[in-house]
Amino acid sequence: MPSLGITGGIATGKSSFTRSLLRCLPATLFDADRCAHELLSADAEVRHAVRAEFGAQSYGAEGNPNRAYLRDLVFSNAGRRKQLEAILHPVIRSRWMALASEANAGNAWLFVDIPLLFESGVESRFDHIAVVACPPNSQLRRLIDVRGLTSDLAEMMISTQIDLRTKMSKADHLIWNDSSLSCLDQQAALLAGWLLQSHA
């Protein structure tokens, strides 16, 4: 069965769309953001590498990742961001590629929610790519109002990713998420129907 890469920009609604799609078409899901969180929290090699690269302040007194510190550091410094990505991305990629092999062997669908799909240059690894997009002002509003970020940090985080228009131009399927959840559900149902029909 095919693998579907799901990507977009920060705060465009990739996770919400993925949940809708899974209700229409059950699949194995790999969430790259969740994997990164788990690696920072529980993977001994990753934790050691992060401490060595970013200092003891990258983890709190109880041993939990200091996510706010790391976020502010890597989004204000491109070099530091690349250093963190160099630690996390190879492990994340190896995990979803292993899942892809298992899904292919088991004739199962695989969805990979990977925000930096195009930035990582892995588009050729997927049979189809869905890009979830919305207007830039909606991204900004969600980061400020929902996630509680400052406008400066929100704008900085958006600017570190490939422009949404470029991602949209590379999409096999474009999901526009600037309306209601029911509208997102309808788009998920349409894509699920297309996938099932195309790979029956």
C-alpha atoms as a PDB file:
ATOM      1  CA  MET A   1       0.000   0.000   0.000  1.00  0.00           C
ATOM      2  CA  PRO A   2       1.198   3.569  -0.576  1.00  0.00           C
ATOM      3  CA  SER A   3       2.730   5.925   1.938  1.00  0.00           C
ATOM      4  CA  LEU A   4       1.310   9.412   2.325  1.00  0.00           C
ATOM      5  CA  GLY A   5       3.458  12.261   3.573  1.00  0.00           C
ATOM      6  CA  ILE A   6       1.462  14.956   5.360  1.00  0.00           C
ATOM      7  CA  THR A   7       3.162  18.313   5.726  1.00  0.00           C
ATOM      8  CA  GLY A   8       2.565  22.051   5.643  1.00  0.00           C
ATOM      9  CA  GLY A   9       3.565  25.024   7.739  1.00  0.00           C
ATOM     10  CA  ILE A  10       3.613  25.473  11.470  1.00  0.00           C
ATOM     11  CA  ALA A  11       0.078  25.935  12.873  1.00  0.00           C
ATOM     12  CA  THR A  12      -1.633  25.133   9.581  1.00  0.00           C
ATOM     13  CA  GLY A  13      -3.526  22.205  11.125  1.00  0.00           C
ATOM     14  CA  LYS A  14      -1.600  19.108  10.034  1.00  0.00           C
ATOM     15  CA  SER A  15      -2.445  17.172  13.187  1.00  0.00           C
ATOM     16  CA  SER A  16      -6.158  18.013  12.990  1.00  0.00           C
ATOM     17  CA  PHE A  17      -6.269  16.931   9.362  1.00  0.00           C
ATOM     18  CA  THR A  18      -4.387  13.718  10.105  1.00  0.00           C
ATOM     19  CA  ARG A  19      -6.882  12.815  12.823  1.00  0.00           C
ATOM     20  CA  SER A  20      -9.735  13.408  10.381  1.00  0.00           C
ATOM     21  CA  LEU A  21      -8.061  11.312   7.710  1.00  0.00           C
ATOM     22  CA  LEU A  22      -7.471   8.420  10.102  1.00  0.00           C
ATOM     23  CA  ARG A  23     -11.191   8.327  10.869  1.00  0.00           C
ATOM     24  CA  CYS A  24     -11.839   7.838   7.151  1.00  0.00           C
ATOM     25  CA  LEU A  25      -8.965   5.531   6.336  1.00  0.00           C
ATOM     26  CA  PRO A  26      -7.293   3.619   9.193  1.00  0.00           C
ATOM     27  CA  ALA A  27      -3.534   3.518   8.753  1.00  0.00           C
ATOM     28  CA  THR A  28      -0.268   3.234  10.594  1.00  0.00           C
ATOM     29  CA  LEU A  29       0.683   6.759  11.647  1.00  0.00           C
ATOM     30  CA  PHE A  30       4.127   8.169  12.292  1.00  0.00           C
ATOM     31  CA  ASP A  31       4.147  11.628  13.877  1.00  0.00           C
ATOM     32  CA  ALA A  32       7.583  13.226  13.506  1.00  0.00           C
ATOM     33  CA  ASP A  33       6.930  15.926  16.108  1.00  0.00           C
ATOM     34  CA  ARG A  34       5.804  13.375  18.670  1.00  0.00           C
ATOM     35  CA  CYS A  35       8.870  11.272  17.920  1.00  0.00           C
ATOM     36  CA  ALA A  36      11.126  14.298  18.477  1.00  0.00           C
ATOM     37  CA  HIS A  37       9.453  14.940  21.839  1.00  0.00           C
ATOM     38  CA  GLU A  38       9.908  11.303  22.850  1.00  0.00           C
ATOM     39  CA  LEU A  39      13.558  11.293  21.803  1.00  0.00           C
ATOM     40  CA  LEU A  40      14.316  14.419  23.827  1.00  0.00           C
ATOM     41  CA  SER A  41      12.570  12.923  26.851  1.00  0.00           C
ATOM     42  CA  ALA A  42      13.550   9.266  26.797  1.00  0.00           C
ATOM     43  CA  ASP A  43      16.350   8.410  24.370  1.00  0.00           C
ATOM     44  CA  ALA A  44      19.626   8.251  26.281  1.00  0.00           C
ATOM     45  CA  GLU A  45      21.867   8.908  23.270  1.00  0.00           C
ATOM     46  CA  VAL A  46      19.813  11.880  22.120  1.00  0.00           C
ATOM     47  CA  ARG A  47      19.684  13.344  25.624  1.00  0.00           C
ATOM     48  CA  HIS A  48      23.462  13.013  25.971  1.00  0.00           C
ATOM     49  CA  ALA A  49      24.054  14.637  22.580  1.00  0.00           C
ATOM     50  CA  VAL A  50      21.685  17.531  23.347  1.00  0.00           C
ATOM     51  CA  ARG A  51      23.316  18.170  26.734  1.00  0.00           C
ATOM     52  CA  ALA A  52      26.761  18.084  25.149  1.00  0.00           C
ATOM     53  CA  GLU A  53      25.753  20.500  22.392  1.00  0.00           C
ATOM     54  CA  PHE A  54      23.447  22.889  24.245  1.00  0.00           C
ATOM     55  CA  GLY A  55      24.594  22.675  27.842  1.00  0.00           C
ATOM     56  CA  ALA A  56      23.082  21.533  31.119  1.00  0.00           C
ATOM     57  CA  GLN A  57      20.356  24.189  30.878  1.00  0.00           C
ATOM     58  CA  SER A  58      18.791  22.229  28.009  1.00  0.00           C
ATOM     59  CA  TYR A  59      17.282  19.962  30.694  1.00  0.00           C
ATOM     60  CA  GLY A  60      15.613  20.926  33.949  1.00  0.00           C
ATOM     61  CA  ALA A  61      16.510  19.831  37.450  1.00  0.00           C
ATOM     62  CA  GLU A  62      14.183  16.821  37.213  1.00  0.00           C
ATOM     63  CA  GLY A  63      15.695  15.724  33.921  1.00  0.00           C
ATOM     64  CA  ASN A  64      12.888  16.909  31.647  1.00  0.00           C
ATOM     65  CA  PRO A  65      13.753  18.736  28.417  1.00  0.00           C
ATOM     66  CA  ASN A  66      13.728  22.513  28.772  1.00  0.00           C
ATOM     67  CA  ARG A  67      11.619  22.887  25.654  1.00  0.00           C
ATOM     68  CA  ALA A  68      11.110  26.636  25.987  1.00  0.00           C
ATOM     69  CA  TYR A  69      14.865  27.189  26.230  1.00  0.00           C
ATOM     70  CA  LEU A  70      15.597  24.948  23.254  1.00  0.00           C
ATOM     71  CA  ARG A  71      12.767  26.464  21.194  1.00  0.00           C
ATOM     72  CA  ASP A  72      13.891  30.041  21.801  1.00  0.00           C
ATOM     73  CA  LEU A  73      17.512  29.123  21.119  1.00  0.00           C
ATOM     74  CA  VAL A  74      17.055  27.242  17.866  1.00  0.00           C
ATOM     75  CA  PHE A  75      14.492  29.605  16.372  1.00  0.00           C
ATOM     76  CA  SER A  76      16.688  32.629  17.024  1.00  0.00           C
ATOM     77  CA  ASN A  77      19.862  31.047  15.672  1.00  0.00           C
ATOM     78  CA  ALA A  78      19.906  29.117  12.395  1.00  0.00           C
ATOM     79  CA  GLY A  79      23.215  27.465  13.211  1.00  0.00           C
ATOM     80  CA  ARG A  80      21.955  26.126  16.528  1.00  0.00           C
ATOM     81  CA  ARG A  81      18.760  24.928  14.858  1.00  0.00           C
ATOM     82  CA  LYS A  82      20.778  22.923  12.346  1.00  0.00           C
ATOM     83  CA  GLN A  83      22.785  21.400  15.197  1.00  0.00           C
ATOM     84  CA  LEU A  84      19.617  20.194  16.916  1.00  0.00           C
ATOM     85  CA  GLU A  85      18.230  18.902  13.635  1.00  0.00           C
ATOM     86  CA  ALA A  86      21.484  17.013  13.027  1.00  0.00           C
ATOM     87  CA  ILE A  87      20.906  15.172  16.309  1.00  0.00           C
ATOM     88  CA  LEU A  88      17.198  14.450  15.864  1.00  0.00           C
ATOM     89  CA  HIS A  89      16.533  14.059  12.164  1.00  0.00           C
ATOM     90  CA  PRO A  90      18.639  10.954  11.410  1.00  0.00           C
ATOM     91  CA  VAL A  91      16.948   9.055  14.252  1.00  0.00           C
ATOM     92  CA  ILE A  92      13.485  10.250  13.250  1.00  0.00           C
ATOM     93  CA  ARG A  93      14.092   9.309   9.614  1.00  0.00           C
ATOM     94  CA  SER A  94      15.344   5.832  10.496  1.00  0.00           C
ATOM     95  CA  ARG A  95      12.218   5.205  12.569  1.00  0.00           C
ATOM     96  CA  TRP A  96       9.662   6.187   9.961  1.00  0.00           C
ATOM     97  CA  MET A  97      11.563   4.402   7.211  1.00  0.00           C
ATOM     98  CA  ALA A  98      11.502   1.232   9.317  1.00  0.00           C
ATOM     99  CA  LEU A  99       7.744   1.672   9.706  1.00  0.00           C
ATOM    100  CA  ALA A 100       7.444   2.167   5.950  1.00  0.00           C
ATOM    101  CA  SER A 101       9.172  -1.157   5.342  1.00  0.00           C
ATOM    102  CA  GLU A 102       6.855  -2.893   7.814  1.00  0.00           C
ATOM    103  CA  ALA A 103       3.758  -1.287   6.305  1.00  0.00           C
ATOM    104  CA  ASN A 104       4.822  -2.258   2.795  1.00  0.00           C
ATOM    105  CA  ALA A 105       5.513  -5.841   3.844  1.00  0.00           C
ATOM    106  CA  GLY A 106       2.162  -6.025   5.622  1.00  0.00           C
ATOM    107  CA  ASN A 107       0.232  -4.363   2.803  1.00  0.00           C
ATOM    108  CA  ALA A 108      -0.870  -1.560   5.158  1.00  0.00           C
ATOM    109  CA  TRP A 109      -1.393   2.133   4.670  1.00  0.00           C
ATOM    110  CA  LEU A 110       1.199   4.476   6.198  1.00  0.00           C
ATOM    111  CA  PHE A 111       0.679   8.164   6.986  1.00  0.00           C
ATOM    112  CA  VAL A 112       3.737  10.183   7.993  1.00  0.00           C
ATOM    113  CA  ASP A 113       3.042  13.578   9.579  1.00  0.00           C
ATOM    114  CA  ILE A 114       6.349  15.343   8.977  1.00  0.00           C
ATOM    115  CA  PRO A 115       6.455  19.153   9.188  1.00  0.00           C
ATOM    116  CA  LEU A 116       9.890  19.503   7.561  1.00  0.00           C
ATOM    117  CA  LEU A 117       9.271  17.039   4.735  1.00  0.00           C
ATOM    118  CA  PHE A 118      10.470  19.338   1.942  1.00  0.00           C
ATOM    119  CA  GLU A 119      13.125  20.987   4.125  1.00  0.00           C
ATOM    120  CA  SER A 120      14.575  17.496   4.750  1.00  0.00           C
ATOM    121  CA  GLY A 121      14.507  16.573   1.065  1.00  0.00           C
ATOM    122  CA  VAL A 122      12.644  13.294   1.590  1.00  0.00           C
ATOM    123  CA  GLU A 123       9.711  13.820  -0.794  1.00  0.00           C
ATOM    124  CA  SER A 124      10.854  10.998  -3.081  1.00  0.00           C
ATOM    125  CA  ARG A 125      10.259   8.549  -0.210  1.00  0.00           C
ATOM    126  CA  PHE A 126       6.478   9.002  -0.455  1.00  0.00           C
ATOM    127  CA  ASP A 127       3.929   7.855  -2.981  1.00  0.00           C
ATOM    128  CA  HIS A 128       1.765  10.912  -2.348  1.00  0.00           C
ATOM    129  CA  ILE A 129       2.203  14.186  -0.469  1.00  0.00           C
ATOM    130  CA  ALA A 130      -0.594  16.215   1.089  1.00  0.00           C
ATOM    131  CA  VAL A 131       0.132  19.795   2.091  1.00  0.00           C
ATOM    132  CA  VAL A 132      -2.100  21.399   4.719  1.00  0.00           C
ATOM    133  CA  ALA A 133      -2.111  25.171   4.288  1.00  0.00           C
ATOM    134  CA  CYS A 134      -3.853  28.329   5.449  1.00  0.00           C
ATOM    135  CA  PRO A 135      -3.280  32.089   5.121  1.00  0.00           C
ATOM    136  CA  PRO A 136      -0.142  33.389   6.898  1.00  0.00           C
ATOM    137  CA  ASN A 137      -2.238  35.616   9.157  1.00  0.00           C
ATOM    138  CA  SER A 138      -4.102  32.515  10.372  1.00  0.00           C
ATOM    139  CA  GLN A 139      -0.806  30.811  11.196  1.00  0.00           C
ATOM    140  CA  LEU A 140       0.298  33.851  13.145  1.00  0.00           C
ATOM    141  CA  ARG A 141      -3.007  34.161  15.010  1.00  0.00           C
ATOM    142  CA  ARG A 142      -2.972  30.497  16.043  1.00  0.00           C
ATOM    143  CA  LEU A 143       0.609  30.684  17.322  1.00  0.00           C
ATOM    144  CA  ILE A 144      -0.157  33.794  19.370  1.00  0.00           C
ATOM    145  CA  ASP A 145      -3.699  33.085  20.551  1.00  0.00           C
ATOM    146  CA  VAL A 146      -3.642  29.306  20.904  1.00  0.00           C
ATOM    147  CA  ARG A 147      -0.011  28.569  21.762  1.00  0.00           C
ATOM    148  CA  GLY A 148       0.627  31.777  23.670  1.00  0.00           C
ATOM    149  CA  LEU A 149       3.766  32.815  21.770  1.00  0.00           C
ATOM    150  CA  THR A 150       4.934  36.360  21.266  1.00  0.00           C
ATOM    151  CA  SER A 151       4.415  37.828  17.819  1.00  0.00           C
ATOM    152  CA  ASP A 152       8.180  38.106  17.299  1.00  0.00           C
ATOM    153  CA  LEU A 153       8.767  34.435  18.110  1.00  0.00           C
ATOM    154  CA  ALA A 154       5.764  33.357  16.033  1.00  0.00           C
ATOM    155  CA  GLU A 155       7.013  35.270  12.995  1.00  0.00           C
ATOM    156  CA  MET A 156      10.510  33.864  13.490  1.00  0.00           C
ATOM    157  CA  MET A 157       9.209  30.286  13.632  1.00  0.00           C
ATOM    158  CA  ILE A 158       7.192  30.755  10.442  1.00  0.00           C
ATOM    159  CA  SER A 159      10.178  32.300   8.647  1.00  0.00           C
ATOM    160  CA  THR A 160      12.409  29.282   9.326  1.00  0.00           C
ATOM    161  CA  GLN A 161      10.250  27.033   7.125  1.00  0.00           C
ATOM    162  CA  ILE A 162       9.989  26.931   3.362  1.00  0.00           C
ATOM    163  CA  ASP A 163       7.404  29.418   2.121  1.00  0.00           C
ATOM    164  CA  LEU A 164       3.914  27.884   2.108  1.00  0.00           C
ATOM    165  CA  ARG A 165       3.347  28.843  -1.531  1.00  0.00           C
ATOM    166  CA  THR A 166       6.383  26.767  -2.487  1.00  0.00           C
ATOM    167  CA  LYS A 167       5.115  23.803  -0.482  1.00  0.00           C
ATOM    168  CA  MET A 168       1.682  24.143  -2.051  1.00  0.00           C
ATOM    169  CA  SER A 169       3.236  24.058  -5.524  1.00  0.00           C
ATOM    170  CA  LYS A 170       4.915  20.744  -4.675  1.00  0.00           C
ATOM    171  CA  ALA A 171       1.786  19.080  -3.262  1.00  0.00           C
ATOM    172  CA  ASP A 172      -0.010  16.153  -4.840  1.00  0.00           C
ATOM    173  CA  HIS A 173      -3.009  17.068  -2.692  1.00  0.00           C
ATOM    174  CA  LEU A 174      -3.709  20.475  -1.177  1.00  0.00           C
ATOM    175  CA  ILE A 175      -5.783  20.795   1.987  1.00  0.00           C
ATOM    176  CA  TRP A 176      -6.980  24.323   2.761  1.00  0.00           C
ATOM    177  CA  ASN A 177      -7.576  24.765   6.476  1.00  0.00           C
ATOM    178  CA  ASP A 178      -9.047  28.191   7.119  1.00  0.00           C
ATOM    179  CA  SER A 179     -12.628  27.272   7.917  1.00  0.00           C
ATOM    180  CA  SER A 180     -14.470  24.838  10.177  1.00  0.00           C
ATOM    181  CA  LEU A 181     -13.529  21.373  11.385  1.00  0.00           C
ATOM    182  CA  SER A 182     -16.404  19.987   9.323  1.00  0.00           C
ATOM    183  CA  CYS A 183     -14.800  21.469   6.216  1.00  0.00           C
ATOM    184  CA  LEU A 184     -11.530  19.791   7.153  1.00  0.00           C
ATOM    185  CA  ASP A 185     -13.400  16.511   7.682  1.00  0.00           C
ATOM    186  CA  GLN A 186     -14.933  16.797   4.208  1.00  0.00           C
ATOM    187  CA  GLN A 187     -11.523  17.278   2.619  1.00  0.00           C
ATOM    188  CA  ALA A 188     -10.183  14.292   4.553  1.00  0.00           C
ATOM    189  CA  ALA A 189     -13.076  12.154   3.311  1.00  0.00           C
ATOM    190  CA  LEU A 190     -12.436  13.236  -0.285  1.00  0.00           C
ATOM    191  CA  LEU A 191      -8.740  12.384  -0.062  1.00  0.00           C
ATOM    192  CA  ALA A 192      -9.440   9.047   1.633  1.00  0.00           C
ATOM    193  CA  GLY A 193     -11.914   8.175  -1.115  1.00  0.00           C
ATOM    194  CA  TRP A 194      -9.402   9.093  -3.802  1.00  0.00           C
ATOM    195  CA  LEU A 195      -6.649   7.027  -2.175  1.00  0.00           C
ATOM    196  CA  LEU A 196      -8.900   3.992  -1.835  1.00  0.00           C
ATOM    197  CA  GLN A 197     -10.104   4.256  -5.411  1.00  0.00           C
ATOM    198  CA  SER A 198      -6.620   4.811  -6.809  1.00  0.00           C
ATOM    199  CA  HIS A 199      -5.104   1.866  -4.968  1.00  0.00           C
ATOM    200  CA  ALA A 200      -7.953  -0.620  -4.964  1.00  0.00           C
END
